[in-house]
Amino acid sequence: MTSLTSVWLIVVLAVIAANLPFFNERCFAVFALRRFSFIKPFWLRLLELIVLYFVIGATGAFFESSSGNRFPQGWEFFAITAFLFLVLAFPGFVFRYLRRRRD
C-alpha cells in the first residue's frame, strides 16, 4: 500500500468513525443496549467517540510505522487531531441533535 493510499484510507475511516456514534443506537454499531431503553445517552456517544479516536490513531500509527519511520508526536499533534476528529463528527451531531424533526 502506498503512503497516499494509506493517508486517504485513514481520512475515510476517521470520517466514518467520527459519525458512527450518532447514526445508530448500538454501542460501537455492534452491541445492543437494552439498559437505556433503546436511546443512547449523550455521555455514551461521547465515550464512543473518544474510544474511536484512539482506535483511528492506532491505525494511523500502524500505517505510518509500516511505511517507514514513525515520527515522534508531541501534545500539539494530539490536540489538533482530537479537535479535527470532533469537526469530522459535526455532521452526525447535527443529524442527531440539531435537525428539525417533522412528525
N, C-alpha and C. Protein backbone atom coordinates (compact mmCIF):
# COMPACT_ATOMS: atom_id res chain seq x y z
N MET A 1 0.85 -1.17 0.00
CA MET A 1 0.00 0.00 0.00
C MET A 1 0.90 1.24 0.00
N THR A 2 0.61 2.15 -0.87
CA THR A 2 1.40 3.37 -0.94
C THR A 2 1.00 4.31 0.20
N SER A 3 1.85 5.29 0.43
CA SER A 3 1.53 6.21 1.52
C SER A 3 0.32 7.08 1.20
N LEU A 4 0.12 7.41 -0.05
CA LEU A 4 -1.05 8.21 -0.41
C LEU A 4 -2.34 7.41 -0.17
N THR A 5 -2.31 6.14 -0.50
CA THR A 5 -3.48 5.29 -0.26
C THR A 5 -3.77 5.15 1.23
N SER A 6 -2.73 4.97 2.02
CA SER A 6 -2.94 4.82 3.47
C SER A 6 -3.45 6.11 4.10
N VAL A 7 -3.00 7.25 3.60
CA VAL A 7 -3.49 8.54 4.13
C VAL A 7 -4.98 8.70 3.83
N TRP A 8 -5.39 8.41 2.61
CA TRP A 8 -6.80 8.54 2.26
C TRP A 8 -7.66 7.51 2.97
N LEU A 9 -7.10 6.34 3.20
CA LEU A 9 -7.84 5.32 3.94
C LEU A 9 -8.08 5.77 5.39
N ILE A 10 -7.07 6.38 6.00
CA ILE A 10 -7.23 6.89 7.36
C ILE A 10 -8.25 8.03 7.41
N VAL A 11 -8.24 8.89 6.42
CA VAL A 11 -9.20 10.01 6.39
C VAL A 11 -10.63 9.47 6.26
N VAL A 12 -10.84 8.51 5.37
CA VAL A 12 -12.17 7.93 5.19
C VAL A 12 -12.62 7.19 6.45
N LEU A 13 -11.72 6.42 7.05
CA LEU A 13 -12.05 5.72 8.29
C LEU A 13 -12.36 6.70 9.42
N ALA A 14 -11.64 7.82 9.47
CA ALA A 14 -11.89 8.82 10.51
C ALA A 14 -13.26 9.47 10.34
N VAL A 15 -13.66 9.76 9.11
CA VAL A 15 -14.98 10.34 8.88
C VAL A 15 -16.08 9.36 9.28
N ILE A 16 -15.91 8.11 8.92
CA ILE A 16 -16.92 7.10 9.27
C ILE A 16 -16.96 6.89 10.78
N ALA A 17 -15.78 6.78 11.41
CA ALA A 17 -15.73 6.52 12.86
C ALA A 17 -16.23 7.71 13.66
N ALA A 18 -15.99 8.93 13.19
CA ALA A 18 -16.45 10.10 13.93
C ALA A 18 -17.96 10.23 13.91
N ASN A 19 -18.61 9.78 12.85
CA ASN A 19 -20.06 9.90 12.75
C ASN A 19 -20.80 8.65 13.22
N LEU A 20 -20.10 7.57 13.42
CA LEU A 20 -20.72 6.30 13.80
C LEU A 20 -21.54 6.38 15.09
N PRO A 21 -21.07 7.03 16.16
CA PRO A 21 -21.88 7.06 17.39
C PRO A 21 -23.21 7.78 17.25
N PHE A 22 -23.32 8.67 16.27
CA PHE A 22 -24.53 9.48 16.14
C PHE A 22 -25.56 8.88 15.19
N PHE A 23 -25.16 7.94 14.35
CA PHE A 23 -26.08 7.40 13.36
C PHE A 23 -26.72 6.09 13.76
N ASN A 24 -26.42 5.56 14.93
CA ASN A 24 -27.07 4.32 15.36
C ASN A 24 -27.24 4.32 16.87
N GLU A 25 -28.07 3.41 17.33
CA GLU A 25 -28.34 3.30 18.76
C GLU A 25 -27.59 2.15 19.41
N ARG A 26 -26.77 1.47 18.67
CA ARG A 26 -25.97 0.38 19.23
C ARG A 26 -24.61 0.91 19.65
N CYS A 27 -24.04 0.28 20.65
CA CYS A 27 -22.71 0.68 21.12
C CYS A 27 -21.67 0.14 20.15
N PHE A 28 -20.89 1.02 19.56
CA PHE A 28 -19.89 0.71 18.55
C PHE A 28 -20.51 0.01 17.34
N ALA A 29 -21.79 0.24 17.10
CA ALA A 29 -22.55 -0.33 15.98
C ALA A 29 -22.61 -1.85 16.04
N VAL A 30 -22.34 -2.43 17.21
CA VAL A 30 -22.34 -3.89 17.33
C VAL A 30 -23.25 -4.35 18.47
N PHE A 31 -23.07 -3.77 19.65
CA PHE A 31 -23.76 -4.25 20.85
C PHE A 31 -25.06 -3.50 21.08
N ALA A 32 -26.14 -4.25 21.24
CA ALA A 32 -27.43 -3.64 21.55
C ALA A 32 -27.50 -3.34 23.04
N LEU A 33 -27.99 -2.16 23.38
CA LEU A 33 -28.09 -1.74 24.77
C LEU A 33 -29.55 -1.66 25.18
N ARG A 34 -30.00 -2.58 25.97
CA ARG A 34 -31.39 -2.57 26.43
C ARG A 34 -31.53 -1.79 27.73
N ARG A 35 -30.44 -1.51 28.37
CA ARG A 35 -30.48 -0.82 29.66
C ARG A 35 -30.98 0.61 29.52
N PHE A 36 -30.70 1.26 28.40
CA PHE A 36 -31.05 2.66 28.22
C PHE A 36 -32.33 2.85 27.42
N SER A 37 -33.16 1.85 27.35
CA SER A 37 -34.46 1.89 26.66
C SER A 37 -34.32 2.35 25.21
N PHE A 38 -33.39 1.78 24.51
CA PHE A 38 -33.19 1.95 23.07
C PHE A 38 -32.69 3.32 22.66
N ILE A 39 -32.42 4.22 23.55
CA ILE A 39 -31.85 5.52 23.20
C ILE A 39 -30.55 5.69 23.95
N LYS A 40 -29.47 5.83 23.22
CA LYS A 40 -28.17 6.01 23.84
C LYS A 40 -28.06 7.40 24.43
N PRO A 41 -27.58 7.53 25.65
CA PRO A 41 -27.37 8.86 26.22
C PRO A 41 -26.15 9.54 25.58
N PHE A 42 -26.10 10.86 25.74
CA PHE A 42 -25.03 11.62 25.12
C PHE A 42 -23.66 11.24 25.67
N TRP A 43 -23.57 10.95 26.98
CA TRP A 43 -22.26 10.61 27.55
C TRP A 43 -21.72 9.32 26.96
N LEU A 44 -22.59 8.39 26.59
CA LEU A 44 -22.13 7.15 25.97
C LEU A 44 -21.66 7.40 24.54
N ARG A 45 -22.35 8.29 23.84
CA ARG A 45 -21.90 8.66 22.49
C ARG A 45 -20.53 9.35 22.56
N LEU A 46 -20.34 10.19 23.56
CA LEU A 46 -19.05 10.86 23.72
C LEU A 46 -17.94 9.87 24.08
N LEU A 47 -18.24 8.91 24.93
CA LEU A 47 -17.27 7.88 25.27
C LEU A 47 -16.91 7.04 24.04
N GLU A 48 -17.90 6.71 23.23
CA GLU A 48 -17.64 6.00 21.98
C GLU A 48 -16.74 6.82 21.06
N LEU A 49 -16.99 8.11 20.99
CA LEU A 49 -16.19 8.99 20.14
C LEU A 49 -14.74 9.02 20.59
N ILE A 50 -14.50 9.05 21.89
CA ILE A 50 -13.14 9.05 22.42
C ILE A 50 -12.43 7.73 22.12
N VAL A 51 -13.12 6.63 22.32
CA VAL A 51 -12.52 5.32 22.04
C VAL A 51 -12.21 5.17 20.55
N LEU A 52 -13.13 5.61 19.70
CA LEU A 52 -12.90 5.52 18.27
C LEU A 52 -11.76 6.44 17.81
N TYR A 53 -11.57 7.57 18.49
CA TYR A 53 -10.43 8.44 18.19
C TYR A 53 -9.12 7.70 18.42
N PHE A 54 -9.03 6.98 19.54
CA PHE A 54 -7.80 6.23 19.82
C PHE A 54 -7.63 5.05 18.88
N VAL A 55 -8.72 4.42 18.46
CA VAL A 55 -8.62 3.31 17.51
C VAL A 55 -8.11 3.82 16.15
N ILE A 56 -8.63 4.93 15.69
CA ILE A 56 -8.17 5.50 14.42
C ILE A 56 -6.74 5.98 14.55
N GLY A 57 -6.38 6.54 15.70
CA GLY A 57 -4.99 6.96 15.91
C GLY A 57 -4.03 5.79 15.90
N ALA A 58 -4.42 4.68 16.50
CA ALA A 58 -3.58 3.48 16.49
C ALA A 58 -3.46 2.92 15.08
N THR A 59 -4.54 2.98 14.33
CA THR A 59 -4.49 2.52 12.93
C THR A 59 -3.56 3.40 12.11
N GLY A 60 -3.63 4.70 12.32
CA GLY A 60 -2.73 5.61 11.63
C GLY A 60 -1.27 5.39 12.01
N ALA A 61 -1.01 5.14 13.29
CA ALA A 61 0.35 4.86 13.74
C ALA A 61 0.86 3.56 13.13
N PHE A 62 -0.03 2.56 13.00
CA PHE A 62 0.36 1.31 12.36
C PHE A 62 0.73 1.53 10.90
N PHE A 63 -0.10 2.28 10.18
CA PHE A 63 0.21 2.55 8.77
C PHE A 63 1.49 3.35 8.63
N GLU A 64 1.71 4.29 9.53
CA GLU A 64 2.93 5.10 9.47
C GLU A 64 4.17 4.25 9.74
N SER A 65 4.10 3.37 10.72
CA SER A 65 5.26 2.54 11.03
C SER A 65 5.50 1.47 9.97
N SER A 66 4.44 1.01 9.30
CA SER A 66 4.63 0.00 8.27
C SER A 66 5.19 0.59 6.98
N SER A 67 5.00 1.88 6.76
CA SER A 67 5.51 2.51 5.54
C SER A 67 6.91 3.07 5.71
N GLY A 68 7.42 3.10 6.91
CA GLY A 68 8.77 3.64 7.13
C GLY A 68 8.97 3.99 8.58
N ASN A 69 9.61 5.12 8.82
CA ASN A 69 9.86 5.56 10.19
C ASN A 69 8.61 6.18 10.81
N ARG A 70 8.40 5.87 12.06
CA ARG A 70 7.32 6.51 12.81
C ARG A 70 7.90 7.72 13.52
N PHE A 71 7.35 8.88 13.24
CA PHE A 71 7.88 10.12 13.80
C PHE A 71 7.31 10.36 15.20
N PRO A 72 8.09 10.92 16.10
CA PRO A 72 7.57 11.22 17.44
C PRO A 72 6.57 12.39 17.38
N GLN A 73 5.52 12.27 18.18
CA GLN A 73 4.47 13.29 18.19
C GLN A 73 4.40 13.93 19.57
N GLY A 74 4.22 15.22 19.60
CA GLY A 74 4.06 15.95 20.86
C GLY A 74 2.58 16.15 21.17
N TRP A 75 2.32 16.86 22.24
CA TRP A 75 0.94 17.08 22.67
C TRP A 75 0.17 17.91 21.65
N GLU A 76 0.88 18.75 20.89
CA GLU A 76 0.22 19.59 19.89
C GLU A 76 -0.46 18.74 18.82
N PHE A 77 0.23 17.68 18.40
CA PHE A 77 -0.32 16.79 17.39
C PHE A 77 -1.62 16.16 17.87
N PHE A 78 -1.62 15.68 19.11
CA PHE A 78 -2.81 15.02 19.64
C PHE A 78 -3.95 16.00 19.88
N ALA A 79 -3.63 17.22 20.27
CA ALA A 79 -4.68 18.23 20.44
C ALA A 79 -5.32 18.58 19.10
N ILE A 80 -4.51 18.75 18.08
CA ILE A 80 -5.04 19.10 16.76
C ILE A 80 -5.85 17.95 16.18
N THR A 81 -5.36 16.73 16.29
CA THR A 81 -6.12 15.61 15.73
C THR A 81 -7.41 15.34 16.50
N ALA A 82 -7.41 15.58 17.81
CA ALA A 82 -8.64 15.41 18.58
C ALA A 82 -9.69 16.42 18.15
N PHE A 83 -9.30 17.66 17.96
CA PHE A 83 -10.26 18.67 17.50
C PHE A 83 -10.67 18.44 16.05
N LEU A 84 -9.78 17.93 15.23
CA LEU A 84 -10.14 17.58 13.86
C LEU A 84 -11.15 16.43 13.86
N PHE A 85 -10.98 15.48 14.76
CA PHE A 85 -11.94 14.37 14.87
C PHE A 85 -13.30 14.89 15.32
N LEU A 86 -13.31 15.87 16.21
CA LEU A 86 -14.59 16.48 16.62
C LEU A 86 -15.25 17.24 15.47
N VAL A 87 -14.45 17.90 14.65
CA VAL A 87 -15.00 18.60 13.49
C VAL A 87 -15.59 17.60 12.50
N LEU A 88 -14.91 16.46 12.33
CA LEU A 88 -15.44 15.43 11.44
C LEU A 88 -16.73 14.83 11.98
N ALA A 89 -16.94 14.88 13.30
CA ALA A 89 -18.16 14.34 13.91
C ALA A 89 -19.33 15.32 13.85
N PHE A 90 -19.11 16.52 13.39
CA PHE A 90 -20.16 17.54 13.39
C PHE A 90 -21.39 17.16 12.56
N PRO A 91 -21.25 16.58 11.36
CA PRO A 91 -22.46 16.21 10.62
C PRO A 91 -23.34 15.20 11.37
N GLY A 92 -22.73 14.25 12.05
CA GLY A 92 -23.50 13.29 12.83
C GLY A 92 -24.18 13.95 14.01
N PHE A 93 -23.51 14.89 14.67
CA PHE A 93 -24.10 15.62 15.78
C PHE A 93 -25.30 16.44 15.32
N VAL A 94 -25.17 17.10 14.18
CA VAL A 94 -26.28 17.87 13.64
C VAL A 94 -27.44 16.95 13.29
N PHE A 95 -27.14 15.82 12.69
CA PHE A 95 -28.19 14.87 12.33
C PHE A 95 -28.94 14.37 13.57
N ARG A 96 -28.21 14.11 14.65
CA ARG A 96 -28.83 13.54 15.84
C ARG A 96 -29.54 14.59 16.70
N TYR A 97 -28.93 15.75 16.91
CA TYR A 97 -29.44 16.68 17.92
C TYR A 97 -29.99 18.00 17.39
N LEU A 98 -29.56 18.48 16.25
CA LEU A 98 -29.96 19.81 15.80
C LEU A 98 -30.95 19.80 14.63
N ARG A 99 -31.18 18.65 14.05
CA ARG A 99 -32.08 18.57 12.91
C ARG A 99 -33.52 18.70 13.38
N ARG A 100 -34.31 19.45 12.65
CA ARG A 100 -35.72 19.61 13.00
C ARG A 100 -36.47 18.37 12.53
N ARG A 101 -37.17 17.76 13.44
CA ARG A 101 -37.92 16.54 13.14
C ARG A 101 -39.37 16.89 12.78
N ARG A 102 -39.81 16.36 11.69
CA ARG A 102 -41.19 16.58 11.27
C ARG A 102 -42.00 15.37 11.65
N ASP A 103 -43.02 15.58 12.46
CA ASP A 103 -43.85 14.46 12.92
C ASP A 103 -45.07 14.28 12.07
